[in-house]
């Protein structure tokens, strides 16, 4: 994780995403977490890049990904 200008960027690996709908579902759930300012999910790589105002709790991210129907690797 790197931080600059009071933001934290974290990259997570998510399994099961196969299309744009998957990306949107994951981004919507993670984006609803407190402090998240942007989410970019890429189905082809399984990577989800999250920018937030503070480090996120891994269990909160895992729960959000689970809620979207996918799994945090």
C-alpha atoms as a PDB file:
ATOM      1  CA  UNK A   1       0.000   0.000   0.000  1.00  0.00           C
ATOM      2  CA  UNK A   2       1.167   3.495  -0.729  1.00  0.00           C
ATOM      3  CA  UNK A   3      -0.176   6.693   0.640  1.00  0.00           C
ATOM      4  CA  UNK A   4       0.001  10.187  -0.723  1.00  0.00           C
ATOM      5  CA  UNK A   5      -2.039  13.288  -0.042  1.00  0.00           C
ATOM      6  CA  UNK A   6      -3.919  11.578   2.808  1.00  0.00           C
ATOM      7  CA  UNK A   7      -5.120   8.685   0.674  1.00  0.00           C
ATOM      8  CA  UNK A   8      -4.288   5.003   0.791  1.00  0.00           C
ATOM      9  CA  UNK A   9      -4.241   2.797  -2.297  1.00  0.00           C
ATOM     10  CA  UNK A  10      -4.640  -0.952  -1.875  1.00  0.00           C
ATOM     11  CA  UNK A  11      -4.857  -3.701  -4.488  1.00  0.00           C
ATOM     12  CA  UNK A  12      -6.905  -6.814  -3.757  1.00  0.00           C
ATOM     13  CA  UNK A  13      -7.209 -10.030  -5.725  1.00  0.00           C
ATOM     14  CA  UNK A  14     -10.796 -11.200  -6.277  1.00  0.00           C
ATOM     15  CA  UNK A  15     -11.721 -14.550  -7.786  1.00  0.00           C
ATOM     16  CA  UNK A  16     -14.794 -15.242  -9.893  1.00  0.00           C
ATOM     17  CA  UNK A  17     -15.153 -11.961 -11.807  1.00  0.00           C
ATOM     18  CA  UNK A  18     -15.698 -12.612 -15.521  1.00  0.00           C
ATOM     19  CA  UNK A  19     -17.361  -9.515 -16.989  1.00  0.00           C
ATOM     20  CA  UNK A  20     -18.256  -5.862 -16.604  1.00  0.00           C
ATOM     21  CA  UNK A  21     -21.285  -6.726 -14.487  1.00  0.00           C
ATOM     22  CA  UNK A  22     -18.980  -8.557 -12.063  1.00  0.00           C
ATOM     23  CA  UNK A  23     -16.672  -5.545 -11.913  1.00  0.00           C
ATOM     24  CA  UNK A  24     -19.606  -3.256 -11.188  1.00  0.00           C
ATOM     25  CA  UNK A  25     -21.013  -5.483  -8.444  1.00  0.00           C
ATOM     26  CA  UNK A  26     -17.665  -5.690  -6.646  1.00  0.00           C
ATOM     27  CA  UNK A  27     -16.954  -1.968  -7.085  1.00  0.00           C
ATOM     28  CA  UNK A  28     -20.407  -1.032  -5.776  1.00  0.00           C
ATOM     29  CA  UNK A  29     -20.083  -3.115  -2.597  1.00  0.00           C
ATOM     30  CA  UNK A  30     -16.513  -2.023  -1.802  1.00  0.00           C
ATOM     31  CA  UNK A  31     -17.375   1.563  -2.720  1.00  0.00           C
ATOM     32  CA  UNK A  32     -20.037   1.578  -0.008  1.00  0.00           C
ATOM     33  CA  UNK A  33     -17.408   1.085   2.718  1.00  0.00           C
ATOM     34  CA  UNK A  34     -16.597   4.122   4.870  1.00  0.00           C
ATOM     35  CA  UNK A  35     -13.712   6.183   3.549  1.00  0.00           C
ATOM     36  CA  UNK A  36     -13.557   4.669   0.056  1.00  0.00           C
ATOM     37  CA  UNK A  37     -13.114   7.358  -2.604  1.00  0.00           C
ATOM     38  CA  UNK A  38     -12.654   5.167  -5.693  1.00  0.00           C
ATOM     39  CA  UNK A  39     -12.705   1.537  -6.785  1.00  0.00           C
ATOM     40  CA  UNK A  40     -11.493   0.043 -10.044  1.00  0.00           C
ATOM     41  CA  UNK A  41     -12.185  -3.653 -10.649  1.00  0.00           C
ATOM     42  CA  UNK A  42     -10.678  -5.489 -13.640  1.00  0.00           C
ATOM     43  CA  UNK A  43     -12.264  -8.879 -14.359  1.00  0.00           C
ATOM     44  CA  UNK A  44      -9.498 -10.075 -16.696  1.00  0.00           C
ATOM     45  CA  UNK A  45      -6.850  -9.838 -13.960  1.00  0.00           C
ATOM     46  CA  UNK A  46      -9.076 -10.176 -10.891  1.00  0.00           C
ATOM     47  CA  UNK A  47      -7.473  -7.055  -9.459  1.00  0.00           C
ATOM     48  CA  UNK A  48      -9.460  -4.483  -7.533  1.00  0.00           C
ATOM     49  CA  UNK A  49      -7.704  -1.193  -6.782  1.00  0.00           C
ATOM     50  CA  UNK A  50      -9.210   0.781  -3.930  1.00  0.00           C
ATOM     51  CA  UNK A  51      -8.368   4.351  -2.917  1.00  0.00           C
ATOM     52  CA  UNK A  52      -9.502   5.355   0.560  1.00  0.00           C
ATOM     53  CA  UNK A  53      -8.906   8.019   3.186  1.00  0.00           C
ATOM     54  CA  UNK A  54      -7.483   5.438   5.640  1.00  0.00           C
ATOM     55  CA  UNK A  55      -6.413   1.781   5.493  1.00  0.00           C
ATOM     56  CA  UNK A  56      -9.443  -0.493   5.166  1.00  0.00           C
ATOM     57  CA  UNK A  57     -10.194  -3.392   7.463  1.00  0.00           C
ATOM     58  CA  UNK A  58      -9.505  -6.575   5.482  1.00  0.00           C
ATOM     59  CA  UNK A  59     -12.540  -8.298   6.986  1.00  0.00           C
ATOM     60  CA  UNK A  60     -14.786  -5.432   5.872  1.00  0.00           C
ATOM     61  CA  UNK A  61     -13.392  -5.717   2.338  1.00  0.00           C
ATOM     62  CA  UNK A  62     -13.844  -9.518   2.432  1.00  0.00           C
ATOM     63  CA  UNK A  63     -17.469  -9.101   3.585  1.00  0.00           C
ATOM     64  CA  UNK A  64     -18.170  -6.578   0.803  1.00  0.00           C
ATOM     65  CA  UNK A  65     -16.684  -8.896  -1.847  1.00  0.00           C
ATOM     66  CA  UNK A  66     -18.685 -11.822  -0.417  1.00  0.00           C
ATOM     67  CA  UNK A  67     -21.855  -9.687  -0.531  1.00  0.00           C
ATOM     68  CA  UNK A  68     -21.209  -9.079  -4.235  1.00  0.00           C
ATOM     69  CA  UNK A  69     -20.982 -12.850  -4.750  1.00  0.00           C
ATOM     70  CA  UNK A  70     -17.221 -13.204  -5.197  1.00  0.00           C
ATOM     71  CA  UNK A  71     -14.247 -14.211  -3.105  1.00  0.00           C
ATOM     72  CA  UNK A  72     -11.248 -12.277  -1.868  1.00  0.00           C
ATOM     73  CA  UNK A  73      -8.184 -14.362  -2.769  1.00  0.00           C
END
